[in-house]
Amino acid sequence: MFLAVDSSLGTTVAIVTDDGRVLSETQSLDIRGHAENIGVLLASALESAGIGASEVTQVVMGIGPGPFTGLRVGMASAIAFAHSRSLPVLPVISHDALGWFAPDDVVVTSDARRGELAYSVYWGREGMRRVVGPTLCRPEDLDEALGEYARLDRLEATIIPAAGLAQVARAFLEHSLAFPEPRPQYLRAPDVTVSEKSLPHKPVLP
């Protein structure tokens, strides 16, 4: 039984069986209330699926791309749930939930804020899927950045379906594909940085 969590845009949680049946999916489109919503969505997803937390066997974690503050909430929640029950954590690029099983070659984009967008290219030839990204550019520069892929259809993500993340994780397991590193795909430095004045001073040697 898969529990999947993503907070790269809004917040989504899903329960998916080992054979791919979606038992429940809950979501909030609020892009700033991740911390307030995640607990409620987790509880609601489990209740709607009619299962207890002990029945989850694997946790799927969306790793972005996404803004620093929101993305870390979902990742921290997924890791905490998994660690509390000694379950494996399966990291998945959030764009994969939309692009991996797309019927045609496609460019998935999402708002990266600060006047930029994140994009990934999905190309279905010869069994390949994500062939570019995720990476950043300004919207007006997207065609140039895409190059030969500029002719592909665009799919703008407003929410990442957690159930889609679980299906990607199932495909990775089925085909023995390597999961990405469990690192958040911020794609840029955090908006907030630690000032030098707040860092501990090194002792001055005589």
N, C-alpha and C. Protein backbone atom coordinates (compact mmCIF):
# COMPACT_ATOMS: atom_id res chain seq x y z
N MET A 1 0.84 -1.19 0.00
CA MET A 1 0.00 0.00 0.00
C MET A 1 0.88 1.25 0.00
N PHE A 2 0.64 2.14 -0.97
CA PHE A 2 1.44 3.34 -1.11
C PHE A 2 0.72 4.54 -0.50
N LEU A 3 1.45 5.33 0.29
CA LEU A 3 1.03 6.66 0.69
C LEU A 3 1.91 7.63 -0.09
N ALA A 4 1.30 8.54 -0.86
CA ALA A 4 2.06 9.49 -1.67
C ALA A 4 1.74 10.91 -1.21
N VAL A 5 2.77 11.74 -1.14
CA VAL A 5 2.64 13.11 -0.65
C VAL A 5 3.39 14.06 -1.58
N ASP A 6 2.78 15.20 -1.89
CA ASP A 6 3.47 16.23 -2.66
C ASP A 6 3.03 17.60 -2.19
N SER A 7 3.98 18.53 -2.08
CA SER A 7 3.64 19.92 -1.73
C SER A 7 4.46 20.90 -2.56
N SER A 8 4.74 20.54 -3.80
CA SER A 8 5.54 21.40 -4.66
C SER A 8 4.75 22.58 -5.20
N LEU A 9 3.43 22.44 -5.29
CA LEU A 9 2.55 23.54 -5.69
C LEU A 9 1.53 23.73 -4.57
N GLY A 10 0.36 23.09 -4.69
CA GLY A 10 -0.51 22.95 -3.54
C GLY A 10 -0.05 21.74 -2.74
N THR A 11 -0.96 21.13 -2.00
CA THR A 11 -0.63 19.95 -1.22
C THR A 11 -1.56 18.82 -1.61
N THR A 12 -1.01 17.64 -1.90
CA THR A 12 -1.83 16.49 -2.26
C THR A 12 -1.33 15.24 -1.53
N VAL A 13 -2.28 14.39 -1.17
CA VAL A 13 -1.98 13.12 -0.51
C VAL A 13 -2.86 12.05 -1.13
N ALA A 14 -2.30 10.88 -1.39
CA ALA A 14 -3.09 9.80 -2.00
C ALA A 14 -2.71 8.46 -1.38
N ILE A 15 -3.68 7.55 -1.41
CA ILE A 15 -3.47 6.16 -1.03
C ILE A 15 -3.71 5.30 -2.26
N VAL A 16 -2.71 4.52 -2.65
CA VAL A 16 -2.79 3.69 -3.85
C VAL A 16 -2.37 2.27 -3.50
N THR A 17 -3.11 1.28 -3.98
CA THR A 17 -2.80 -0.11 -3.67
C THR A 17 -1.60 -0.58 -4.48
N ASP A 18 -1.07 -1.74 -4.12
CA ASP A 18 0.08 -2.29 -4.83
C ASP A 18 -0.22 -2.58 -6.29
N ASP A 19 -1.49 -2.84 -6.62
CA ASP A 19 -1.85 -3.11 -8.02
C ASP A 19 -2.35 -1.86 -8.75
N GLY A 20 -2.20 -0.69 -8.13
CA GLY A 20 -2.47 0.56 -8.82
C GLY A 20 -3.84 1.16 -8.63
N ARG A 21 -4.67 0.59 -7.79
CA ARG A 21 -6.00 1.17 -7.55
C ARG A 21 -5.87 2.38 -6.62
N VAL A 22 -6.49 3.49 -7.01
CA VAL A 22 -6.46 4.70 -6.19
C VAL A 22 -7.61 4.63 -5.19
N LEU A 23 -7.28 4.50 -3.92
CA LEU A 23 -8.30 4.40 -2.89
C LEU A 23 -8.78 5.76 -2.43
N SER A 24 -7.90 6.73 -2.44
CA SER A 24 -8.29 8.08 -2.03
C SER A 24 -7.24 9.08 -2.50
N GLU A 25 -7.68 10.32 -2.67
CA GLU A 25 -6.75 11.41 -2.96
C GLU A 25 -7.36 12.69 -2.42
N THR A 26 -6.60 13.40 -1.60
CA THR A 26 -7.06 14.66 -1.03
C THR A 26 -6.10 15.76 -1.46
N GLN A 27 -6.60 16.98 -1.56
CA GLN A 27 -5.74 18.05 -2.03
C GLN A 27 -6.19 19.41 -1.53
N SER A 28 -5.25 20.32 -1.50
CA SER A 28 -5.52 21.73 -1.24
C SER A 28 -4.74 22.53 -2.27
N LEU A 29 -5.40 23.50 -2.90
CA LEU A 29 -4.75 24.34 -3.89
C LEU A 29 -4.02 25.52 -3.25
N ASP A 30 -4.12 25.66 -1.94
CA ASP A 30 -3.46 26.74 -1.22
C ASP A 30 -1.94 26.59 -1.34
N ILE A 31 -1.28 27.55 -1.98
CA ILE A 31 0.17 27.44 -2.19
C ILE A 31 0.98 28.00 -1.03
N ARG A 32 0.30 28.46 0.02
CA ARG A 32 1.04 29.00 1.16
C ARG A 32 0.64 28.36 2.49
N GLY A 33 -0.33 27.45 2.46
CA GLY A 33 -0.81 26.85 3.71
C GLY A 33 -0.42 25.39 3.85
N HIS A 34 0.74 25.00 3.32
CA HIS A 34 1.14 23.59 3.36
C HIS A 34 1.20 23.04 4.78
N ALA A 35 1.83 23.78 5.67
CA ALA A 35 2.01 23.28 7.04
C ALA A 35 0.67 23.11 7.75
N GLU A 36 -0.27 24.02 7.48
CA GLU A 36 -1.58 23.94 8.11
C GLU A 36 -2.43 22.81 7.52
N ASN A 37 -2.21 22.48 6.25
CA ASN A 37 -3.08 21.53 5.55
C ASN A 37 -2.59 20.09 5.56
N ILE A 38 -1.29 19.86 5.67
CA ILE A 38 -0.76 18.53 5.44
C ILE A 38 -1.32 17.49 6.40
N GLY A 39 -1.41 17.83 7.69
CA GLY A 39 -1.91 16.87 8.67
C GLY A 39 -3.35 16.48 8.41
N VAL A 40 -4.17 17.47 8.08
CA VAL A 40 -5.58 17.22 7.79
C VAL A 40 -5.74 16.35 6.56
N LEU A 41 -4.95 16.64 5.53
CA LEU A 41 -5.03 15.87 4.29
C LEU A 41 -4.57 14.43 4.49
N LEU A 42 -3.51 14.24 5.28
CA LEU A 42 -3.05 12.88 5.58
C LEU A 42 -4.14 12.07 6.27
N ALA A 43 -4.72 12.66 7.32
CA ALA A 43 -5.76 11.96 8.07
C ALA A 43 -6.97 11.67 7.18
N SER A 44 -7.35 12.64 6.34
CA SER A 44 -8.51 12.48 5.47
C SER A 44 -8.27 11.39 4.42
N ALA A 45 -7.04 11.35 3.87
CA ALA A 45 -6.74 10.33 2.86
C ALA A 45 -6.82 8.93 3.45
N LEU A 46 -6.28 8.74 4.64
CA LEU A 46 -6.34 7.43 5.29
C LEU A 46 -7.78 7.05 5.60
N GLU A 47 -8.54 8.01 6.12
CA GLU A 47 -9.94 7.73 6.47
C GLU A 47 -10.76 7.41 5.23
N SER A 48 -10.58 8.19 4.17
CA SER A 48 -11.35 7.96 2.94
C SER A 48 -11.01 6.61 2.31
N ALA A 49 -9.75 6.19 2.46
CA ALA A 49 -9.33 4.90 1.91
C ALA A 49 -9.80 3.74 2.78
N GLY A 50 -10.21 4.05 3.99
CA GLY A 50 -10.67 3.00 4.90
C GLY A 50 -9.55 2.14 5.44
N ILE A 51 -8.36 2.73 5.61
CA ILE A 51 -7.23 1.97 6.13
C ILE A 51 -6.61 2.72 7.31
N GLY A 52 -5.82 2.00 8.08
CA GLY A 52 -5.06 2.61 9.14
C GLY A 52 -3.64 2.88 8.69
N ALA A 53 -2.94 3.71 9.44
CA ALA A 53 -1.56 4.04 9.09
C ALA A 53 -0.67 2.79 9.04
N SER A 54 -1.01 1.80 9.85
CA SER A 54 -0.20 0.58 9.90
C SER A 54 -0.27 -0.25 8.63
N GLU A 55 -1.26 0.03 7.77
CA GLU A 55 -1.41 -0.73 6.53
C GLU A 55 -0.59 -0.17 5.38
N VAL A 56 -0.03 1.02 5.56
CA VAL A 56 0.85 1.60 4.54
C VAL A 56 2.18 0.86 4.57
N THR A 57 2.69 0.50 3.41
CA THR A 57 3.95 -0.24 3.34
C THR A 57 5.08 0.55 2.68
N GLN A 58 4.73 1.59 1.90
CA GLN A 58 5.74 2.40 1.21
C GLN A 58 5.25 3.84 1.11
N VAL A 59 6.18 4.78 1.25
CA VAL A 59 5.83 6.19 1.20
C VAL A 59 6.51 6.83 -0.01
N VAL A 60 5.71 7.44 -0.86
CA VAL A 60 6.21 8.13 -2.06
C VAL A 60 6.25 9.62 -1.77
N MET A 61 7.38 10.23 -2.09
CA MET A 61 7.62 11.63 -1.73
C MET A 61 7.95 12.46 -2.96
N GLY A 62 7.10 13.43 -3.27
CA GLY A 62 7.41 14.35 -4.36
C GLY A 62 8.54 15.27 -3.95
N ILE A 63 9.56 15.40 -4.81
CA ILE A 63 10.74 16.18 -4.45
C ILE A 63 10.87 17.45 -5.30
N GLY A 64 9.78 17.84 -5.95
CA GLY A 64 9.82 19.08 -6.71
C GLY A 64 10.12 18.86 -8.18
N PRO A 65 10.28 19.94 -8.90
CA PRO A 65 10.66 21.28 -8.46
C PRO A 65 9.55 22.03 -7.73
N GLY A 66 10.00 22.90 -6.81
CA GLY A 66 9.07 23.70 -6.05
C GLY A 66 9.79 24.69 -5.18
N PRO A 67 9.07 25.70 -4.68
CA PRO A 67 9.67 26.68 -3.79
C PRO A 67 10.13 26.05 -2.48
N PHE A 68 11.12 26.66 -1.87
CA PHE A 68 11.77 26.10 -0.69
C PHE A 68 10.78 25.81 0.44
N THR A 69 10.02 26.80 0.84
CA THR A 69 9.18 26.64 2.04
C THR A 69 8.13 25.57 1.86
N GLY A 70 7.36 25.63 0.77
CA GLY A 70 6.29 24.66 0.58
C GLY A 70 6.79 23.26 0.37
N LEU A 71 7.82 23.10 -0.44
CA LEU A 71 8.31 21.77 -0.79
C LEU A 71 8.81 21.00 0.42
N ARG A 72 9.51 21.68 1.32
CA ARG A 72 10.09 20.98 2.47
C ARG A 72 9.01 20.47 3.43
N VAL A 73 7.81 21.09 3.43
CA VAL A 73 6.74 20.63 4.33
C VAL A 73 6.29 19.23 3.96
N GLY A 74 6.00 19.00 2.68
CA GLY A 74 5.57 17.68 2.24
C GLY A 74 6.65 16.64 2.40
N MET A 75 7.89 17.02 2.08
CA MET A 75 8.99 16.07 2.20
C MET A 75 9.23 15.69 3.65
N ALA A 76 9.20 16.68 4.53
CA ALA A 76 9.41 16.40 5.95
C ALA A 76 8.30 15.51 6.50
N SER A 77 7.07 15.75 6.06
CA SER A 77 5.94 14.94 6.53
C SER A 77 6.05 13.51 6.03
N ALA A 78 6.42 13.34 4.76
CA ALA A 78 6.58 11.99 4.21
C ALA A 78 7.68 11.23 4.94
N ILE A 79 8.81 11.89 5.17
CA ILE A 79 9.93 11.25 5.85
C ILE A 79 9.57 10.90 7.28
N ALA A 80 8.88 11.81 7.97
CA ALA A 80 8.50 11.55 9.36
C ALA A 80 7.54 10.36 9.45
N PHE A 81 6.56 10.31 8.55
CA PHE A 81 5.61 9.19 8.53
C PHE A 81 6.36 7.89 8.29
N ALA A 82 7.25 7.88 7.31
CA ALA A 82 7.98 6.66 6.97
C ALA A 82 8.90 6.22 8.10
N HIS A 83 9.64 7.15 8.66
CA HIS A 83 10.59 6.79 9.71
C HIS A 83 9.89 6.29 10.97
N SER A 84 8.71 6.85 11.26
CA SER A 84 8.00 6.43 12.47
C SER A 84 7.51 4.99 12.36
N ARG A 85 7.45 4.47 11.13
CA ARG A 85 6.97 3.10 10.91
C ARG A 85 8.00 2.23 10.20
N SER A 86 9.22 2.74 10.10
CA SER A 86 10.34 2.02 9.47
C SER A 86 9.99 1.57 8.05
N LEU A 87 9.42 2.51 7.28
CA LEU A 87 9.01 2.23 5.91
C LEU A 87 9.99 2.86 4.92
N PRO A 88 10.11 2.28 3.72
CA PRO A 88 10.96 2.89 2.70
C PRO A 88 10.33 4.18 2.17
N VAL A 89 11.19 5.14 1.83
CA VAL A 89 10.76 6.39 1.20
C VAL A 89 11.20 6.35 -0.26
N LEU A 90 10.25 6.58 -1.17
CA LEU A 90 10.53 6.52 -2.61
C LEU A 90 10.41 7.93 -3.18
N PRO A 91 11.55 8.61 -3.48
CA PRO A 91 11.49 9.97 -4.03
C PRO A 91 11.15 9.96 -5.51
N VAL A 92 10.28 10.88 -5.92
CA VAL A 92 9.87 10.98 -7.32
C VAL A 92 9.85 12.46 -7.71
N ILE A 93 10.39 12.79 -8.88
CA ILE A 93 10.30 14.15 -9.41
C ILE A 93 8.82 14.49 -9.60
N SER A 94 8.39 15.61 -9.06
CA SER A 94 6.96 15.93 -9.06
C SER A 94 6.36 16.03 -10.46
N HIS A 95 7.10 16.59 -11.42
CA HIS A 95 6.59 16.67 -12.79
C HIS A 95 6.28 15.30 -13.38
N ASP A 96 6.95 14.26 -12.89
CA ASP A 96 6.73 12.91 -13.44
C ASP A 96 5.29 12.46 -13.28
N ALA A 97 4.61 12.95 -12.24
CA ALA A 97 3.22 12.56 -12.02
C ALA A 97 2.34 12.91 -13.20
N LEU A 98 2.71 13.93 -13.94
CA LEU A 98 1.94 14.37 -15.10
C LEU A 98 2.55 13.92 -16.42
N GLY A 99 3.87 13.88 -16.50
CA GLY A 99 4.52 13.62 -17.77
C GLY A 99 4.86 12.18 -18.07
N TRP A 100 5.04 11.37 -17.03
CA TRP A 100 5.57 10.02 -17.25
C TRP A 100 4.64 9.16 -18.08
N PHE A 101 3.34 9.29 -17.82
CA PHE A 101 2.37 8.45 -18.53
C PHE A 101 1.56 9.24 -19.56
N ALA A 102 2.03 10.42 -19.92
CA ALA A 102 1.30 11.21 -20.92
C ALA A 102 1.22 10.42 -22.23
N PRO A 103 0.08 10.48 -22.92
CA PRO A 103 -0.08 9.69 -24.15
C PRO A 103 0.82 10.18 -25.29
N ASP A 104 1.24 11.43 -25.23
CA ASP A 104 2.09 12.00 -26.28
C ASP A 104 3.29 12.68 -25.63
N ASP A 105 4.30 12.98 -26.45
CA ASP A 105 5.44 13.74 -25.97
C ASP A 105 4.94 15.10 -25.48
N VAL A 106 5.50 15.57 -24.37
CA VAL A 106 4.93 16.77 -23.76
C VAL A 106 5.99 17.50 -22.94
N VAL A 107 5.77 18.80 -22.79
CA VAL A 107 6.57 19.62 -21.87
C VAL A 107 5.68 19.97 -20.68
N VAL A 108 6.10 19.59 -19.49
CA VAL A 108 5.37 19.93 -18.26
C VAL A 108 6.00 21.17 -17.66
N THR A 109 5.19 22.17 -17.36
CA THR A 109 5.68 23.40 -16.74
C THR A 109 4.94 23.65 -15.43
N SER A 110 5.59 24.39 -14.54
CA SER A 110 4.95 24.80 -13.30
C SER A 110 5.53 26.14 -12.87
N ASP A 111 4.74 26.90 -12.13
CA ASP A 111 5.15 28.21 -11.67
C ASP A 111 6.28 28.06 -10.64
N ALA A 112 7.41 28.70 -10.91
CA ALA A 112 8.53 28.66 -9.98
C ALA A 112 8.66 29.96 -9.20
N ARG A 113 7.72 30.88 -9.41
CA ARG A 113 7.70 32.18 -8.76
C ARG A 113 8.89 33.03 -9.19
N ARG A 114 8.92 34.26 -8.73
CA ARG A 114 9.96 35.23 -9.08
C ARG A 114 10.12 35.37 -10.59
N GLY A 115 9.00 35.28 -11.32
CA GLY A 115 9.03 35.49 -12.75
C GLY A 115 9.65 34.36 -13.55
N GLU A 116 9.73 33.16 -12.97
CA GLU A 116 10.31 32.02 -13.66
C GLU A 116 9.34 30.84 -13.65
N LEU A 117 9.61 29.90 -14.54
CA LEU A 117 8.86 28.65 -14.52
C LEU A 117 9.84 27.48 -14.56
N ALA A 118 9.39 26.37 -14.02
CA ALA A 118 10.15 25.13 -14.08
C ALA A 118 9.58 24.28 -15.21
N TYR A 119 10.45 23.57 -15.91
CA TYR A 119 9.94 22.73 -17.00
C TYR A 119 10.72 21.43 -17.09
N SER A 120 10.03 20.42 -17.59
CA SER A 120 10.60 19.10 -17.87
C SER A 120 10.05 18.62 -19.20
N VAL A 121 10.86 17.90 -19.95
CA VAL A 121 10.45 17.37 -21.25
C VAL A 121 10.29 15.86 -21.14
N TYR A 122 9.16 15.36 -21.63
CA TYR A 122 8.88 13.92 -21.63
C TYR A 122 8.75 13.45 -23.07
N TRP A 123 9.55 12.46 -23.41
CA TRP A 123 9.71 12.00 -24.79
C TRP A 123 9.52 10.49 -24.79
N GLY A 124 8.52 10.00 -25.49
CA GLY A 124 8.13 8.60 -25.38
C GLY A 124 8.83 7.64 -26.31
N ARG A 125 9.80 8.10 -27.08
CA ARG A 125 10.44 7.20 -28.04
C ARG A 125 11.33 6.18 -27.34
N GLU A 126 11.23 4.95 -27.79
CA GLU A 126 12.11 3.88 -27.34
C GLU A 126 12.07 3.70 -25.81
N GLY A 127 10.91 3.94 -25.24
CA GLY A 127 10.74 3.69 -23.82
C GLY A 127 11.30 4.75 -22.91
N MET A 128 11.90 5.81 -23.45
CA MET A 128 12.42 6.88 -22.61
C MET A 128 11.26 7.74 -22.11
N ARG A 129 11.50 8.41 -20.98
CA ARG A 129 10.48 9.35 -20.53
C ARG A 129 11.07 10.74 -20.34
N ARG A 130 11.43 11.14 -19.12
CA ARG A 130 11.94 12.49 -18.91
C ARG A 130 13.34 12.59 -19.49
N VAL A 131 13.49 13.47 -20.47
CA VAL A 131 14.78 13.60 -21.15
C VAL A 131 15.43 14.95 -20.90
N VAL A 132 14.67 15.90 -20.38
CA VAL A 132 15.21 17.21 -20.01
C VAL A 132 14.56 17.65 -18.71
N GLY A 133 15.37 18.21 -17.80
CA GLY A 133 14.83 18.82 -16.60
C GLY A 133 14.70 17.87 -15.43
N PRO A 134 14.12 18.44 -14.37
CA PRO A 134 13.53 19.77 -14.33
C PRO A 134 14.59 20.87 -14.25
N THR A 135 14.25 22.00 -14.87
CA THR A 135 15.14 23.16 -14.86
C THR A 135 14.30 24.42 -14.95
N LEU A 136 14.97 25.59 -14.84
CA LEU A 136 14.27 26.86 -14.77
C LEU A 136 14.55 27.73 -15.99
N CYS A 137 13.60 28.58 -16.32
CA CYS A 137 13.84 29.66 -17.28
C CYS A 137 12.71 30.67 -17.11
N ARG A 138 12.87 31.83 -17.74
CA ARG A 138 11.79 32.81 -17.78
C ARG A 138 10.79 32.38 -18.85
N PRO A 139 9.50 32.65 -18.64
CA PRO A 139 8.49 32.19 -19.61
C PRO A 139 8.78 32.62 -21.05
N GLU A 140 9.27 33.84 -21.22
CA GLU A 140 9.52 34.32 -22.57
C GLU A 140 10.72 33.64 -23.23
N ASP A 141 11.52 32.93 -22.44
CA ASP A 141 12.69 32.24 -22.98
C ASP A 141 12.47 30.75 -23.17
N LEU A 142 11.24 30.27 -22.93
CA LEU A 142 11.01 28.83 -22.92
C LEU A 142 11.27 28.20 -24.29
N ASP A 143 10.77 28.78 -25.34
CA ASP A 143 10.97 28.19 -26.67
C ASP A 143 12.46 28.03 -26.99
N GLU A 144 13.22 29.06 -26.70
CA GLU A 144 14.66 28.98 -26.97
C GLU A 144 15.31 27.92 -26.10
N ALA A 145 14.89 27.85 -24.83
CA ALA A 145 15.48 26.86 -23.92
C ALA A 145 15.15 25.44 -24.36
N LEU A 146 13.96 25.24 -24.91
CA LEU A 146 13.54 23.90 -25.32
C LEU A 146 14.22 23.43 -26.60
N GLY A 147 14.60 24.35 -27.46
CA GLY A 147 15.28 23.96 -28.69
C GLY A 147 14.42 23.03 -29.53
N GLU A 148 14.92 21.83 -29.83
CA GLU A 148 14.20 20.90 -30.69
C GLU A 148 12.88 20.43 -30.12
N TYR A 149 12.68 20.63 -28.81
CA TYR A 149 11.43 20.19 -28.17
C TYR A 149 10.38 21.30 -28.12
N ALA A 150 10.69 22.47 -28.68
CA ALA A 150 9.77 23.60 -28.59
C ALA A 150 8.44 23.33 -29.28
N ARG A 151 8.41 22.38 -30.21
CA ARG A 151 7.17 22.09 -30.95
C ARG A 151 6.21 21.22 -30.14
N LEU A 152 6.67 20.66 -29.01
CA LEU A 152 5.81 19.75 -28.25
C LEU A 152 4.70 20.50 -27.53
N ASP A 153 3.61 19.78 -27.26
CA ASP A 153 2.52 20.35 -26.48
C ASP A 153 3.00 20.71 -25.08
N ARG A 154 2.38 21.72 -24.48
CA ARG A 154 2.73 22.16 -23.13
C ARG A 154 1.61 21.77 -22.18
N LEU A 155 2.00 21.31 -21.02
CA LEU A 155 1.04 20.97 -19.96
C LEU A 155 1.44 21.75 -18.72
N GLU A 156 0.63 22.74 -18.37
CA GLU A 156 0.93 23.58 -17.20
C GLU A 156 0.34 22.94 -15.95
N ALA A 157 1.18 22.64 -14.99
CA ALA A 157 0.74 22.01 -13.75
C ALA A 157 0.28 23.07 -12.76
N THR A 158 -0.94 22.92 -12.26
CA THR A 158 -1.43 23.78 -11.19
C THR A 158 -1.49 23.02 -9.87
N ILE A 159 -1.47 21.72 -9.94
CA ILE A 159 -1.43 20.83 -8.77
C ILE A 159 -0.76 19.54 -9.24
N ILE A 160 -0.03 18.90 -8.35
CA ILE A 160 0.61 17.63 -8.68
C ILE A 160 -0.21 16.50 -8.06
N PRO A 161 -0.80 15.62 -8.88
CA PRO A 161 -1.60 14.53 -8.32
C PRO A 161 -0.73 13.51 -7.59
N ALA A 162 -0.94 13.37 -6.31
CA ALA A 162 -0.13 12.43 -5.54
C ALA A 162 -0.33 11.00 -6.03
N ALA A 163 -1.53 10.69 -6.50
CA ALA A 163 -1.77 9.34 -7.03
C ALA A 163 -0.87 9.07 -8.24
N GLY A 164 -0.63 10.11 -9.05
CA GLY A 164 0.28 9.95 -10.18
C GLY A 164 1.69 9.65 -9.73
N LEU A 165 2.13 10.28 -8.65
CA LEU A 165 3.46 9.98 -8.10
C LEU A 165 3.56 8.52 -7.69
N ALA A 166 2.50 8.02 -7.06
CA ALA A 166 2.50 6.61 -6.64
C ALA A 166 2.58 5.68 -7.85
N GLN A 167 1.89 6.03 -8.93
CA GLN A 167 1.94 5.19 -10.13
C GLN A 167 3.34 5.20 -10.75
N VAL A 168 4.02 6.34 -10.72
CA VAL A 168 5.39 6.41 -11.21
C VAL A 168 6.30 5.54 -10.35
N ALA A 169 6.13 5.62 -9.04
CA ALA A 169 6.94 4.79 -8.13
C ALA A 169 6.71 3.31 -8.41
N ARG A 170 5.46 2.93 -8.68
CA ARG A 170 5.16 1.54 -9.02
C ARG A 170 5.90 1.13 -10.29
N ALA A 171 5.93 2.01 -11.28
CA ALA A 171 6.62 1.70 -12.54
C ALA A 171 8.12 1.56 -12.32
N PHE A 172 8.69 2.42 -11.49
CA PHE A 172 10.12 2.32 -11.18
C PHE A 172 10.44 0.99 -10.52
N LEU A 173 9.59 0.58 -9.58
CA LEU A 173 9.82 -0.69 -8.89
C LEU A 173 9.65 -1.87 -9.85
N GLU A 174 8.63 -1.80 -10.68
CA GLU A 174 8.35 -2.90 -11.60
C GLU A 174 9.48 -3.11 -12.60
N HIS A 175 10.08 -2.01 -13.05
CA HIS A 175 11.11 -2.09 -14.08
C HIS A 175 12.52 -1.93 -13.50
N SER A 176 12.63 -1.98 -12.19
CA SER A 176 13.93 -1.89 -11.50
C SER A 176 14.70 -0.65 -11.92
N LEU A 177 14.00 0.49 -12.02
CA LEU A 177 14.63 1.76 -12.35
C LEU A 177 15.17 2.41 -11.08
N ALA A 178 16.22 3.19 -11.24
CA ALA A 178 16.83 3.87 -10.10
C ALA A 178 16.03 5.12 -9.74
N PHE A 179 15.65 5.24 -8.49
CA PHE A 179 14.96 6.44 -8.02
C PHE A 179 15.96 7.59 -7.92
N PRO A 180 15.49 8.82 -8.07
CA PRO A 180 16.39 9.96 -7.88
C PRO A 180 16.82 10.07 -6.42
N GLU A 181 17.85 10.86 -6.20
CA GLU A 181 18.28 11.11 -4.83
C GLU A 181 17.16 11.83 -4.06
N PRO A 182 16.99 11.54 -2.78
CA PRO A 182 15.92 12.18 -2.00
C PRO A 182 16.26 13.61 -1.61
N ARG A 183 16.57 14.41 -2.61
CA ARG A 183 16.94 15.80 -2.38
C ARG A 183 15.91 16.72 -3.01
N PRO A 184 15.52 17.77 -2.32
CA PRO A 184 14.52 18.69 -2.89
C PRO A 184 15.05 19.41 -4.11
N GLN A 185 14.21 19.49 -5.14
CA GLN A 185 14.57 20.15 -6.39
C GLN A 185 14.14 21.62 -6.30
N TYR A 186 14.93 22.41 -5.55
CA TYR A 186 14.61 23.84 -5.45
C TYR A 186 14.95 24.56 -6.75
N LEU A 187 16.02 24.14 -7.41
CA LEU A 187 16.51 24.70 -8.67
C LEU A 187 17.09 26.09 -8.53
N ARG A 188 16.97 26.67 -7.35
CA ARG A 188 17.62 27.95 -7.07
C ARG A 188 17.89 28.03 -5.58
N ALA A 189 18.71 28.98 -5.19
CA ALA A 189 19.00 29.16 -3.77
C ALA A 189 17.74 29.59 -3.03
N PRO A 190 17.59 29.23 -1.74
CA PRO A 190 16.43 29.65 -0.97
C PRO A 190 16.31 31.17 -0.93
N ASP A 191 15.06 31.67 -0.80
CA ASP A 191 14.83 33.10 -0.71
C ASP A 191 15.43 33.69 0.56
N VAL A 192 15.47 32.88 1.62
CA VAL A 192 15.99 33.34 2.91
C VAL A 192 17.35 32.72 3.14
N THR A 193 18.33 33.52 3.48
CA THR A 193 19.66 33.02 3.76
C THR A 193 20.09 33.47 5.14
N VAL A 194 21.06 32.79 5.70
CA VAL A 194 21.58 33.11 7.02
C VAL A 194 22.64 34.20 6.88
N SER A 195 22.47 35.27 7.63
CA SER A 195 23.45 36.35 7.54
C SER A 195 24.73 35.96 8.27
N GLU A 196 25.82 36.56 7.86
CA GLU A 196 27.10 36.25 8.49
C GLU A 196 27.11 36.64 9.96
N LYS A 197 26.35 37.68 10.33
CA LYS A 197 26.33 38.12 11.71
C LYS A 197 25.72 37.08 12.64
N SER A 198 24.85 36.21 12.09
CA SER A 198 24.19 35.21 12.92
C SER A 198 24.99 33.94 13.07
N LEU A 199 26.09 33.82 12.30
CA LEU A 199 26.91 32.63 12.38
C LEU A 199 27.82 32.69 13.60
N PRO A 200 28.11 31.54 14.22
CA PRO A 200 29.01 31.54 15.38
C PRO A 200 30.38 32.00 14.95
N HIS A 201 31.02 32.82 15.80
CA HIS A 201 32.35 33.33 15.49
C HIS A 201 33.41 32.29 15.84
N LYS A 202 34.39 32.19 14.98
CA LYS A 202 35.50 31.30 15.27
C LYS A 202 36.41 31.95 16.32
N PRO A 203 36.95 31.15 17.23
CA PRO A 203 37.85 31.74 18.23
C PRO A 203 39.11 32.30 17.56
N VAL A 204 39.57 33.41 18.08
CA VAL A 204 40.78 34.02 17.57
C VAL A 204 41.98 33.40 18.28
N LEU A 205 42.86 32.79 17.50
CA LEU A 205 44.01 32.13 18.09
C LEU A 205 45.06 33.15 18.43
N PRO A 206 45.79 32.96 19.55
CA PRO A 206 46.85 33.90 19.93
C PRO A 206 47.99 33.83 18.94
